[in-house]
Amino acid sequence: MAVNAPTPEQFLALAKDIGLDLTERDAKTFAQLVLPTIDDYNVVDTMADELPPVKYPRTPGYRPMGDENPHNA
């Protein structure tokens, strides 16, 4: 799912919510600073998930009893 870059107004609103003093210039700077990271994330998001086939599926296992678990570990 693609991620949209936050706007300077969103940075200002967030800063206000958490009690930070942020100027409009700061908000514009932060908005520009996050663009490359968000662009990179969106590139990775478009890549195919190339998962290998499962050779050994997980099983729920069992609780060993008696001689299999002498120390009750």
PDB file of N, CA and C in Angstrom:
ATOM      1  N   MET A   1       0.845  -1.155   0.000  1.00  0.00           N
ATOM      2  CA  MET A   1       0.000   0.000   0.000  1.00  0.00           C
ATOM      3  C   MET A   1       0.903   1.234   0.000  1.00  0.00           C
ATOM      4  N   ALA A   2       0.678   2.098  -0.951  1.00  0.00           N
ATOM      5  CA  ALA A   2       1.499   3.296  -1.076  1.00  0.00           C
ATOM      6  C   ALA A   2       1.270   4.241   0.100  1.00  0.00           C
ATOM      7  N   VAL A   3       2.323   4.953   0.443  1.00  0.00           N
ATOM      8  CA  VAL A   3       2.268   5.910   1.542  1.00  0.00           C
ATOM      9  C   VAL A   3       2.361   7.311   0.955  1.00  0.00           C
ATOM     10  N   ASN A   4       1.477   8.189   1.398  1.00  0.00           N
ATOM     11  CA  ASN A   4       1.521   9.580   0.970  1.00  0.00           C
ATOM     12  C   ASN A   4       2.412  10.372   1.916  1.00  0.00           C
ATOM     13  N   ALA A   5       3.166  11.295   1.351  1.00  0.00           N
ATOM     14  CA  ALA A   5       4.049  12.133   2.162  1.00  0.00           C
ATOM     15  C   ALA A   5       3.211  13.090   3.006  1.00  0.00           C
ATOM     16  N   PRO A   6       3.593  13.284   4.260  1.00  0.00           N
ATOM     17  CA  PRO A   6       2.866  14.238   5.094  1.00  0.00           C
ATOM     18  C   PRO A   6       3.104  15.667   4.605  1.00  0.00           C
ATOM     19  N   THR A   7       2.094  16.476   4.732  1.00  0.00           N
ATOM     20  CA  THR A   7       2.191  17.880   4.327  1.00  0.00           C
ATOM     21  C   THR A   7       2.767  18.706   5.478  1.00  0.00           C
ATOM     22  N   PRO A   8       3.266  19.907   5.167  1.00  0.00           N
ATOM     23  CA  PRO A   8       3.725  20.777   6.255  1.00  0.00           C
ATOM     24  C   PRO A   8       2.618  21.053   7.279  1.00  0.00           C
ATOM     25  N   GLU A   9       1.383  21.151   6.804  1.00  0.00           N
ATOM     26  CA  GLU A   9       0.265  21.384   7.720  1.00  0.00           C
ATOM     27  C   GLU A   9       0.079  20.208   8.675  1.00  0.00           C
ATOM     28  N   GLN A  10       0.292  18.993   8.190  1.00  0.00           N
ATOM     29  CA  GLN A  10       0.188  17.820   9.058  1.00  0.00           C
ATOM     30  C   GLN A  10       1.304  17.819  10.096  1.00  0.00           C
ATOM     31  N   PHE A  11       2.500  18.227   9.700  1.00  0.00           N
ATOM     32  CA  PHE A  11       3.595  18.340  10.668  1.00  0.00           C
ATOM     33  C   PHE A  11       3.260  19.373  11.734  1.00  0.00           C
ATOM     34  N   LEU A  12       2.704  20.508  11.324  1.00  0.00           N
ATOM     35  CA  LEU A  12       2.338  21.547  12.284  1.00  0.00           C
ATOM     36  C   LEU A  12       1.271  21.051  13.251  1.00  0.00           C
ATOM     37  N   ALA A  13       0.273  20.342  12.724  1.00  0.00           N
ATOM     38  CA  ALA A  13      -0.798  19.826  13.585  1.00  0.00           C
ATOM     39  C   ALA A  13      -0.250  18.798  14.569  1.00  0.00           C
ATOM     40  N   LEU A  14       0.603  17.918  14.100  1.00  0.00           N
ATOM     41  CA  LEU A  14       1.197  16.914  14.976  1.00  0.00           C
ATOM     42  C   LEU A  14       2.059  17.569  16.055  1.00  0.00           C
ATOM     43  N   ALA A  15       2.851  18.549  15.652  1.00  0.00           N
ATOM     44  CA  ALA A  15       3.693  19.241  16.619  1.00  0.00           C
ATOM     45  C   ALA A  15       2.838  19.905  17.692  1.00  0.00           C
ATOM     46  N   LYS A  16       1.742  20.497  17.271  1.00  0.00           N
ATOM     47  CA  LYS A  16       0.854  21.140  18.244  1.00  0.00           C
ATOM     48  C   LYS A  16       0.265  20.111  19.201  1.00  0.00           C
ATOM     49  N   ASP A  17      -0.132  18.939  18.664  1.00  0.00           N
ATOM     50  CA  ASP A  17      -0.724  17.882  19.490  1.00  0.00           C
ATOM     51  C   ASP A  17       0.235  17.376  20.574  1.00  0.00           C
ATOM     52  N   ILE A  18       1.519  17.344  20.257  1.00  0.00           N
ATOM     53  CA  ILE A  18       2.480  16.805  21.234  1.00  0.00           C
ATOM     54  C   ILE A  18       3.244  17.896  21.973  1.00  0.00           C
ATOM     55  N   GLY A  19       2.826  19.147  21.767  1.00  0.00           N
ATOM     56  CA  GLY A  19       3.392  20.241  22.540  1.00  0.00           C
ATOM     57  C   GLY A  19       4.726  20.773  22.059  1.00  0.00           C
ATOM     58  N   LEU A  20       5.001  20.646  20.758  1.00  0.00           N
ATOM     59  CA  LEU A  20       6.241  21.184  20.213  1.00  0.00           C
ATOM     60  C   LEU A  20       5.972  22.507  19.514  1.00  0.00           C
ATOM     61  N   ASP A  21       6.919  23.419  19.622  1.00  0.00           N
ATOM     62  CA  ASP A  21       6.841  24.671  18.872  1.00  0.00           C
ATOM     63  C   ASP A  21       7.565  24.461  17.554  1.00  0.00           C
ATOM     64  N   LEU A  22       6.812  24.519  16.469  1.00  0.00           N
ATOM     65  CA  LEU A  22       7.374  24.279  15.151  1.00  0.00           C
ATOM     66  C   LEU A  22       6.978  25.445  14.257  1.00  0.00           C
ATOM     67  N   THR A  23       7.955  25.996  13.563  1.00  0.00           N
ATOM     68  CA  THR A  23       7.640  27.091  12.648  1.00  0.00           C
ATOM     69  C   THR A  23       7.184  26.512  11.314  1.00  0.00           C
ATOM     70  N   GLU A  24       6.571  27.359  10.495  1.00  0.00           N
ATOM     71  CA  GLU A  24       6.155  26.907   9.169  1.00  0.00           C
ATOM     72  C   GLU A  24       7.371  26.498   8.346  1.00  0.00           C
ATOM     73  N   ARG A  25       8.464  27.226   8.530  1.00  0.00           N
ATOM     74  CA  ARG A  25       9.699  26.884   7.804  1.00  0.00           C
ATOM     75  C   ARG A  25      10.194  25.498   8.222  1.00  0.00           C
ATOM     76  N   ASP A  26      10.154  25.214   9.530  1.00  0.00           N
ATOM     77  CA  ASP A  26      10.557  23.893  10.020  1.00  0.00           C
ATOM     78  C   ASP A  26       9.676  22.803   9.419  1.00  0.00           C
ATOM     79  N   ALA A  27       8.377  23.059   9.404  1.00  0.00           N
ATOM     80  CA  ALA A  27       7.441  22.065   8.878  1.00  0.00           C
ATOM     81  C   ALA A  27       7.708  21.785   7.404  1.00  0.00           C
ATOM     82  N   LYS A  28       7.988  22.831   6.643  1.00  0.00           N
ATOM     83  CA  LYS A  28       8.302  22.645   5.212  1.00  0.00           C
ATOM     84  C   LYS A  28       9.598  21.855   5.050  1.00  0.00           C
ATOM     85  N   THR A  29      10.570  22.144   5.910  1.00  0.00           N
ATOM     86  CA  THR A  29      11.849  21.428   5.852  1.00  0.00           C
ATOM     87  C   THR A  29      11.655  19.954   6.163  1.00  0.00           C
ATOM     88  N   PHE A  30      10.906  19.657   7.217  1.00  0.00           N
ATOM     89  CA  PHE A  30      10.654  18.251   7.564  1.00  0.00           C
ATOM     90  C   PHE A  30       9.906  17.532   6.447  1.00  0.00           C
ATOM     91  N   ALA A  31       8.945  18.214   5.840  1.00  0.00           N
ATOM     92  CA  ALA A  31       8.185  17.607   4.745  1.00  0.00           C
ATOM     93  C   ALA A  31       9.120  17.247   3.588  1.00  0.00           C
ATOM     94  N   GLN A  32      10.095  18.092   3.319  1.00  0.00           N
ATOM     95  CA  GLN A  32      11.065  17.812   2.258  1.00  0.00           C
ATOM     96  C   GLN A  32      12.037  16.701   2.658  1.00  0.00           C
ATOM     97  N   LEU A  33      12.392  16.671   3.935  1.00  0.00           N
ATOM     98  CA  LEU A  33      13.353  15.662   4.401  1.00  0.00           C
ATOM     99  C   LEU A  33      12.794  14.240   4.336  1.00  0.00           C
ATOM    100  N   VAL A  34      11.498  14.076   4.539  1.00  0.00           N
ATOM    101  CA  VAL A  34      10.936  12.725   4.544  1.00  0.00           C
ATOM    102  C   VAL A  34      10.599  12.213   3.148  1.00  0.00           C
ATOM    103  N   LEU A  35      10.569  13.098   2.149  1.00  0.00           N
ATOM    104  CA  LEU A  35      10.200  12.670   0.801  1.00  0.00           C
ATOM    105  C   LEU A  35      11.046  11.528   0.250  1.00  0.00           C
ATOM    106  N   PRO A  36      12.389  11.593   0.322  1.00  0.00           N
ATOM    107  CA  PRO A  36      13.173  10.477  -0.222  1.00  0.00           C
ATOM    108  C   PRO A  36      12.879   9.139   0.453  1.00  0.00           C
ATOM    109  N   THR A  37      12.688   9.161   1.753  1.00  0.00           N
ATOM    110  CA  THR A  37      12.397   7.917   2.471  1.00  0.00           C
ATOM    111  C   THR A  37      11.049   7.354   2.047  1.00  0.00           C
ATOM    112  N   ILE A  38      10.058   8.203   1.921  1.00  0.00           N
ATOM    113  CA  ILE A  38       8.737   7.739   1.517  1.00  0.00           C
ATOM    114  C   ILE A  38       8.761   7.261   0.075  1.00  0.00           C
ATOM    115  N   ASP A  39       9.477   7.964  -0.787  1.00  0.00           N
ATOM    116  CA  ASP A  39       9.609   7.511  -2.179  1.00  0.00           C
ATOM    117  C   ASP A  39      10.265   6.134  -2.245  1.00  0.00           C
ATOM    118  N   ASP A  40      11.317   5.937  -1.441  1.00  0.00           N
ATOM    119  CA  ASP A  40      11.988   4.635  -1.405  1.00  0.00           C
ATOM    120  C   ASP A  40      11.051   3.546  -0.898  1.00  0.00           C
ATOM    121  N   TYR A  41      10.292   3.854   0.141  1.00  0.00           N
ATOM    122  CA  TYR A  41       9.337   2.878   0.666  1.00  0.00           C
ATOM    123  C   TYR A  41       8.340   2.482  -0.411  1.00  0.00           C
ATOM    124  N   ASN A  42       7.849   3.457  -1.160  1.00  0.00           N
ATOM    125  CA  ASN A  42       6.858   3.159  -2.196  1.00  0.00           C
ATOM    126  C   ASN A  42       7.447   2.316  -3.323  1.00  0.00           C
ATOM    127  N   VAL A  43       8.735   2.485  -3.603  1.00  0.00           N
ATOM    128  CA  VAL A  43       9.393   1.626  -4.602  1.00  0.00           C
ATOM    129  C   VAL A  43       9.446   0.191  -4.083  1.00  0.00           C
ATOM    130  N   VAL A  44       9.868   0.016  -2.839  1.00  0.00           N
ATOM    131  CA  VAL A  44       9.936  -1.322  -2.245  1.00  0.00           C
ATOM    132  C   VAL A  44       8.539  -1.944  -2.191  1.00  0.00           C
ATOM    133  N   ASP A  45       7.538  -1.149  -1.902  1.00  0.00           N
ATOM    134  CA  ASP A  45       6.166  -1.645  -1.805  1.00  0.00           C
ATOM    135  C   ASP A  45       5.660  -2.210  -3.128  1.00  0.00           C
ATOM    136  N   THR A  46       6.164  -1.715  -4.255  1.00  0.00           N
ATOM    137  CA  THR A  46       5.719  -2.216  -5.556  1.00  0.00           C
ATOM    138  C   THR A  46       6.415  -3.513  -5.960  1.00  0.00           C
ATOM    139  N   MET A  47       7.483  -3.880  -5.266  1.00  0.00           N
ATOM    140  CA  MET A  47       8.221  -5.097  -5.616  1.00  0.00           C
ATOM    141  C   MET A  47       7.426  -6.340  -5.245  1.00  0.00           C
ATOM    142  N   ALA A  48       7.620  -7.372  -6.018  1.00  0.00           N
ATOM    143  CA  ALA A  48       6.921  -8.634  -5.772  1.00  0.00           C
ATOM    144  C   ALA A  48       7.483  -9.325  -4.537  1.00  0.00           C
ATOM    145  N   ASP A  49       6.616 -10.016  -3.818  1.00  0.00           N
ATOM    146  CA  ASP A  49       7.052 -10.829  -2.685  1.00  0.00           C
ATOM    147  C   ASP A  49       7.488 -12.179  -3.224  1.00  0.00           C
ATOM    148  N   GLU A  50       8.779 -12.397  -3.274  1.00  0.00           N
ATOM    149  CA  GLU A  50       9.302 -13.649  -3.804  1.00  0.00           C
ATOM    150  C   GLU A  50       9.656 -14.575  -2.649  1.00  0.00           C
ATOM    151  N   LEU A  51       8.637 -15.198  -2.090  1.00  0.00           N
ATOM    152  CA  LEU A  51       8.838 -16.101  -0.969  1.00  0.00           C
ATOM    153  C   LEU A  51       9.136 -17.506  -1.472  1.00  0.00           C
ATOM    154  N   PRO A  52      10.110 -18.173  -0.890  1.00  0.00           N
ATOM    155  CA  PRO A  52      10.418 -19.536  -1.318  1.00  0.00           C
ATOM    156  C   PRO A  52       9.312 -20.493  -0.872  1.00  0.00           C
ATOM    157  N   PRO A  53       9.163 -21.615  -1.570  1.00  0.00           N
ATOM    158  CA  PRO A  53       8.165 -22.584  -1.139  1.00  0.00           C
ATOM    159  C   PRO A  53       8.531 -23.179   0.225  1.00  0.00           C
ATOM    160  N   VAL A  54       7.533 -23.518   0.996  1.00  0.00           N
ATOM    161  CA  VAL A  54       7.752 -24.093   2.327  1.00  0.00           C
ATOM    162  C   VAL A  54       8.123 -25.565   2.173  1.00  0.00           C
ATOM    163  N   LYS A  55       9.315 -25.941   2.638  1.00  0.00           N
ATOM    164  CA  LYS A  55       9.762 -27.331   2.559  1.00  0.00           C
ATOM    165  C   LYS A  55       9.394 -28.107   3.820  1.00  0.00           C
ATOM    166  N   TYR A  56       9.450 -27.418   4.941  1.00  0.00           N
ATOM    167  CA  TYR A  56       9.200 -28.070   6.214  1.00  0.00           C
ATOM    168  C   TYR A  56       8.186 -27.228   6.993  1.00  0.00           C
ATOM    169  N   PRO A  57       6.905 -27.495   6.804  1.00  0.00           N
ATOM    170  CA  PRO A  57       5.902 -26.665   7.486  1.00  0.00           C
ATOM    171  C   PRO A  57       5.975 -26.835   8.996  1.00  0.00           C
ATOM    172  N   ARG A  58       5.641 -25.766   9.700  1.00  0.00           N
ATOM    173  CA  ARG A  58       5.647 -25.815  11.160  1.00  0.00           C
ATOM    174  C   ARG A  58       4.453 -26.607  11.660  1.00  0.00           C
ATOM    175  N   THR A  59       4.683 -27.335  12.725  1.00  0.00           N
ATOM    176  CA  THR A  59       3.605 -28.074  13.365  1.00  0.00           C
ATOM    177  C   THR A  59       3.443 -27.513  14.776  1.00  0.00           C
ATOM    178  N   PRO A  60       2.307 -27.736  15.402  1.00  0.00           N
ATOM    179  CA  PRO A  60       2.120 -27.179  16.740  1.00  0.00           C
ATOM    180  C   PRO A  60       3.001 -27.851  17.792  1.00  0.00           C
ATOM    181  N   GLY A  61       3.568 -29.017  17.492  1.00  0.00           N
ATOM    182  CA  GLY A  61       4.402 -29.713  18.451  1.00  0.00           C
ATOM    183  C   GLY A  61       3.571 -30.418  19.512  1.00  0.00           C
ATOM    184  N   TYR A  62       4.241 -30.873  20.571  1.00  0.00           N
ATOM    185  CA  TYR A  62       3.543 -31.567  21.645  1.00  0.00           C
ATOM    186  C   TYR A  62       4.331 -31.381  22.933  1.00  0.00           C
ATOM    187  N   ARG A  63       3.671 -31.590  24.051  1.00  0.00           N
ATOM    188  CA  ARG A  63       4.338 -31.480  25.349  1.00  0.00           C
ATOM    189  C   ARG A  63       4.901 -32.854  25.702  1.00  0.00           C
ATOM    190  N   PRO A  64       6.239 -32.953  25.835  1.00  0.00           N
ATOM    191  CA  PRO A  64       6.832 -34.240  26.200  1.00  0.00           C
ATOM    192  C   PRO A  64       6.472 -34.620  27.642  1.00  0.00           C
ATOM    193  N   MET A  65       6.222 -35.884  27.831  1.00  0.00           N
ATOM    194  CA  MET A  65       5.833 -36.380  29.153  1.00  0.00           C
ATOM    195  C   MET A  65       6.778 -37.503  29.596  1.00  0.00           C
ATOM    196  N   GLY A  66       6.780 -37.755  30.853  1.00  0.00           N
ATOM    197  CA  GLY A  66       7.498 -38.912  31.408  1.00  0.00           C
ATOM    198  C   GLY A  66       8.976 -38.936  31.091  1.00  0.00           C
ATOM    199  N   ASP A  67       9.415 -40.052  30.481  1.00  0.00           N
ATOM    200  CA  ASP A  67      10.839 -40.272  30.194  1.00  0.00           C
ATOM    201  C   ASP A  67      11.408 -39.243  29.197  1.00  0.00           C
ATOM    202  N   GLU A  68      10.550 -38.672  28.362  1.00  0.00           N
ATOM    203  CA  GLU A  68      11.034 -37.673  27.401  1.00  0.00           C
ATOM    204  C   GLU A  68      11.343 -36.339  28.081  1.00  0.00           C
ATOM    205  N   ASN A  69      10.862 -36.135  29.265  1.00  0.00           N
ATOM    206  CA  ASN A  69      11.022 -34.859  29.959  1.00  0.00           C
ATOM    207  C   ASN A  69      11.358 -35.085  31.433  1.00  0.00           C
ATOM    208  N   PRO A  70      12.518 -35.672  31.717  1.00  0.00           N
ATOM    209  CA  PRO A  70      12.822 -36.030  33.104  1.00  0.00           C
ATOM    210  C   PRO A  70      12.991 -34.821  34.031  1.00  0.00           C
ATOM    211  N   HIS A  71      13.314 -33.666  33.497  1.00  0.00           N
ATOM    212  CA  HIS A  71      13.534 -32.471  34.337  1.00  0.00           C
ATOM    213  C   HIS A  71      12.366 -31.492  34.256  1.00  0.00           C
ATOM    214  N   ASN A  72      11.285 -31.918  33.634  1.00  0.00           N
ATOM    215  CA  ASN A  72      10.098 -31.078  33.490  1.00  0.00           C
ATOM    216  C   ASN A  72      10.447 -29.716  32.903  1.00  0.00           C
ATOM    217  N   ALA A  73      11.257 -29.764  31.855  1.00  0.00           N
ATOM    218  CA  ALA A  73      11.734 -28.521  31.223  1.00  0.00           C
ATOM    219  C   ALA A  73      10.744 -27.989  30.221  1.00  0.00           C
TER     220      ALA A  73
END
